Amino acid sequence: MAHRIYTTSFASVYPLYVAKAERKGRTKEEVDTIIRWLTGYDEAGLEQQLASEVDFDTFFAAAPKMNEDRALIKGVVCGVRVENVEEPLMREIRYLDKLVDELAKGKAMEKILRGGKL
């Protein structure tokens, strides 16, 4: 059975990512940068996905180009070691969770983006 998050609207969770970052003095723009780095969406593409209220499954399936450096994302989020998540879609979601987590913990953007640029 598919996990409930797969059919959850990405647009409904996005404000939670932004709120988590902003509570720690980070910005919506930084959250957007992380999402764009991970998925390859440009600003207009991300806005379109949010406006369309697509679910997580569709959001990641439609991503223009998942960043190859995402395999460098390691660590624990929600009690789960992200690099050990077997199911591909759940791993992508956990990667995003981990990146937002690192942002909220004050990590430098260059480190969050694994030394890469957008």
C-alpha atoms as a PDB file:
ATOM      1  CA  MET A   1       0.000   0.000   0.000  1.00  0.00           C
ATOM      2  CA  ALA A   2       1.334   3.429  -0.966  1.00  0.00           C
ATOM      3  CA  HIS A   3       2.234   5.830   1.812  1.00  0.00           C
ATOM      4  CA  ARG A   4      -0.225   8.646   2.454  1.00  0.00           C
ATOM      5  CA  ILE A   5       2.405  11.330   1.757  1.00  0.00           C
ATOM      6  CA  TYR A   6       2.586  10.234  -1.908  1.00  0.00           C
ATOM      7  CA  THR A   7      -0.942  11.481  -2.560  1.00  0.00           C
ATOM      8  CA  THR A   8      -0.623  14.545  -0.337  1.00  0.00           C
ATOM      9  CA  SER A   9      -0.547  17.859  -2.183  1.00  0.00           C
ATOM     10  CA  PHE A  10       2.982  19.255  -2.344  1.00  0.00           C
ATOM     11  CA  ALA A  11       1.453  22.744  -2.062  1.00  0.00           C
ATOM     12  CA  SER A  12      -0.087  21.799   1.303  1.00  0.00           C
ATOM     13  CA  VAL A  13       3.308  20.810   2.767  1.00  0.00           C
ATOM     14  CA  TYR A  14       5.372  23.569   1.138  1.00  0.00           C
ATOM     15  CA  PRO A  15       4.217  26.267   3.637  1.00  0.00           C
ATOM     16  CA  LEU A  16       5.376  23.973   6.459  1.00  0.00           C
ATOM     17  CA  TYR A  17       8.865  23.802   4.927  1.00  0.00           C
ATOM     18  CA  VAL A  18       8.912  27.603   4.631  1.00  0.00           C
ATOM     19  CA  ALA A  19       7.594  28.098   8.186  1.00  0.00           C
ATOM     20  CA  LYS A  20      10.229  25.732   9.601  1.00  0.00           C
ATOM     21  CA  ALA A  21      12.981  27.694   7.849  1.00  0.00           C
ATOM     22  CA  GLU A  22      11.570  31.112   8.782  1.00  0.00           C
ATOM     23  CA  ARG A  23      11.261  30.161  12.463  1.00  0.00           C
ATOM     24  CA  LYS A  24      15.040  29.745  12.401  1.00  0.00           C
ATOM     25  CA  GLY A  25      15.743  33.009  10.585  1.00  0.00           C
ATOM     26  CA  ARG A  26      16.012  31.555   7.079  1.00  0.00           C
ATOM     27  CA  THR A  27      13.922  32.587   4.053  1.00  0.00           C
ATOM     28  CA  LYS A  28      11.325  31.283   1.602  1.00  0.00           C
ATOM     29  CA  GLU A  29      13.839  32.085  -1.158  1.00  0.00           C
ATOM     30  CA  GLU A  30      16.349  29.705   0.446  1.00  0.00           C
ATOM     31  CA  VAL A  31      13.718  26.953   0.637  1.00  0.00           C
ATOM     32  CA  ASP A  32      12.922  27.551  -3.051  1.00  0.00           C
ATOM     33  CA  THR A  33      16.643  27.396  -3.914  1.00  0.00           C
ATOM     34  CA  ILE A  34      16.921  24.020  -2.176  1.00  0.00           C
ATOM     35  CA  ILE A  35      13.849  22.644  -3.964  1.00  0.00           C
ATOM     36  CA  ARG A  36      15.078  23.910  -7.332  1.00  0.00           C
ATOM     37  CA  TRP A  37      18.561  22.452  -6.736  1.00  0.00           C
ATOM     38  CA  LEU A  38      17.095  19.070  -5.843  1.00  0.00           C
ATOM     39  CA  THR A  39      14.491  18.838  -8.621  1.00  0.00           C
ATOM     40  CA  GLY A  40      15.680  21.000 -11.500  1.00  0.00           C
ATOM     41  CA  TYR A  41      12.508  23.106 -11.513  1.00  0.00           C
ATOM     42  CA  ASP A  42      13.063  26.728 -12.408  1.00  0.00           C
ATOM     43  CA  GLU A  43      11.199  29.425 -10.477  1.00  0.00           C
ATOM     44  CA  ALA A  44       8.228  29.444 -12.872  1.00  0.00           C
ATOM     45  CA  GLY A  45       8.069  25.643 -12.914  1.00  0.00           C
ATOM     46  CA  LEU A  46       8.029  25.463  -9.113  1.00  0.00           C
ATOM     47  CA  GLU A  47       5.308  28.120  -8.936  1.00  0.00           C
ATOM     48  CA  GLN A  48       3.270  26.205 -11.522  1.00  0.00           C
ATOM     49  CA  GLN A  49       3.557  22.964  -9.520  1.00  0.00           C
ATOM     50  CA  LEU A  50       2.446  24.763  -6.367  1.00  0.00           C
ATOM     51  CA  ALA A  51      -0.488  26.427  -8.167  1.00  0.00           C
ATOM     52  CA  SER A  52      -1.564  23.082  -9.659  1.00  0.00           C
ATOM     53  CA  GLU A  53      -1.556  21.475  -6.201  1.00  0.00           C
ATOM     54  CA  VAL A  54       0.032  18.284  -7.539  1.00  0.00           C
ATOM     55  CA  ASP A  55       0.733  15.458  -5.126  1.00  0.00           C
ATOM     56  CA  PHE A  56       4.270  14.474  -4.071  1.00  0.00           C
ATOM     57  CA  ASP A  57       4.297  11.568  -6.525  1.00  0.00           C
ATOM     58  CA  THR A  58       3.492  13.861  -9.465  1.00  0.00           C
ATOM     59  CA  PHE A  59       5.791  16.634  -8.190  1.00  0.00           C
ATOM     60  CA  PHE A  60       8.836  14.362  -8.206  1.00  0.00           C
ATOM     61  CA  ALA A  61       7.811  12.434 -11.337  1.00  0.00           C
ATOM     62  CA  ALA A  62       7.520  15.711 -13.281  1.00  0.00           C
ATOM     63  CA  ALA A  63      10.810  17.132 -11.959  1.00  0.00           C
ATOM     64  CA  PRO A  64      12.902  18.319 -14.925  1.00  0.00           C
ATOM     65  CA  LYS A  65      16.203  16.886 -13.651  1.00  0.00           C
ATOM     66  CA  MET A  66      16.820  15.393 -10.243  1.00  0.00           C
ATOM     67  CA  ASN A  67      20.238  16.532  -9.049  1.00  0.00           C
ATOM     68  CA  GLU A  68      22.819  13.757  -9.263  1.00  0.00           C
ATOM     69  CA  ASP A  69      24.527  15.106  -6.130  1.00  0.00           C
ATOM     70  CA  ARG A  70      21.472  14.248  -4.033  1.00  0.00           C
ATOM     71  CA  ALA A  71      23.146  10.889  -3.368  1.00  0.00           C
ATOM     72  CA  LEU A  72      25.572  12.886  -1.195  1.00  0.00           C
ATOM     73  CA  ILE A  73      22.724  13.709   1.216  1.00  0.00           C
ATOM     74  CA  LYS A  74      23.277  11.617   4.317  1.00  0.00           C
ATOM     75  CA  GLY A  75      21.950  11.599   7.838  1.00  0.00           C
ATOM     76  CA  VAL A  76      18.854  11.068   9.893  1.00  0.00           C
ATOM     77  CA  VAL A  77      15.514  12.811   9.458  1.00  0.00           C
ATOM     78  CA  CYS A  78      12.341  11.777  11.263  1.00  0.00           C
ATOM     79  CA  GLY A  79      14.355   8.985  12.872  1.00  0.00           C
ATOM     80  CA  VAL A  80      15.210   7.458   9.494  1.00  0.00           C
ATOM     81  CA  ARG A  81      18.642   7.370   7.847  1.00  0.00           C
ATOM     82  CA  VAL A  82      17.884   8.902   4.426  1.00  0.00           C
ATOM     83  CA  GLU A  83      20.551   7.006   2.503  1.00  0.00           C
ATOM     84  CA  ASN A  84      19.005   3.695   3.633  1.00  0.00           C
ATOM     85  CA  VAL A  85      15.451   4.423   2.443  1.00  0.00           C
ATOM     86  CA  GLU A  86      14.682   1.688  -0.100  1.00  0.00           C
ATOM     87  CA  GLU A  87      11.554   3.068  -1.789  1.00  0.00           C
ATOM     88  CA  PRO A  88      12.661   5.639  -4.435  1.00  0.00           C
ATOM     89  CA  LEU A  89       9.859   8.190  -3.968  1.00  0.00           C
ATOM     90  CA  MET A  90      10.131   8.106  -0.173  1.00  0.00           C
ATOM     91  CA  ARG A  91      13.908   8.597  -0.508  1.00  0.00           C
ATOM     92  CA  GLU A  92      13.340  11.742  -2.628  1.00  0.00           C
ATOM     93  CA  ILE A  93      10.891  13.093  -0.043  1.00  0.00           C
ATOM     94  CA  ARG A  94      13.354  12.349   2.773  1.00  0.00           C
ATOM     95  CA  TYR A  95      16.139  14.080   0.828  1.00  0.00           C
ATOM     96  CA  LEU A  96      13.988  17.202   0.666  1.00  0.00           C
ATOM     97  CA  ASP A  97      13.104  16.901   4.369  1.00  0.00           C
ATOM     98  CA  LYS A  98      16.798  16.591   5.231  1.00  0.00           C
ATOM     99  CA  LEU A  99      17.775  19.629   3.153  1.00  0.00           C
ATOM    100  CA  VAL A 100      15.092  21.791   4.809  1.00  0.00           C
ATOM    101  CA  ASP A 101      16.222  20.427   8.181  1.00  0.00           C
ATOM    102  CA  GLU A 102      19.817  21.454   7.463  1.00  0.00           C
ATOM    103  CA  LEU A 103      18.634  24.922   6.433  1.00  0.00           C
ATOM    104  CA  ALA A 104      16.662  25.306   9.669  1.00  0.00           C
ATOM    105  CA  LYS A 105      19.714  24.192  11.664  1.00  0.00           C
ATOM    106  CA  GLY A 106      21.743  27.053  10.211  1.00  0.00           C
ATOM    107  CA  LYS A 107      23.926  25.146   7.793  1.00  0.00           C
ATOM    108  CA  ALA A 108      25.508  27.265   5.040  1.00  0.00           C
ATOM    109  CA  MET A 109      23.743  27.092   1.659  1.00  0.00           C
ATOM    110  CA  GLU A 110      26.935  25.943  -0.071  1.00  0.00           C
ATOM    111  CA  LYS A 111      27.086  22.917   2.233  1.00  0.00           C
ATOM    112  CA  ILE A 112      23.343  22.208   1.896  1.00  0.00           C
ATOM    113  CA  LEU A 113      23.713  22.225  -1.890  1.00  0.00           C
ATOM    114  CA  ARG A 114      26.675  19.878  -1.509  1.00  0.00           C
ATOM    115  CA  GLY A 115      29.088  22.468  -2.882  1.00  0.00           C
ATOM    116  CA  GLY A 116      26.994  22.921  -6.012  1.00  0.00           C
ATOM    117  CA  LYS A 117      25.176  25.884  -7.432  1.00  0.00           C
ATOM    118  CA  LEU A 118      21.759  26.164  -8.995  1.00  0.00           C
END
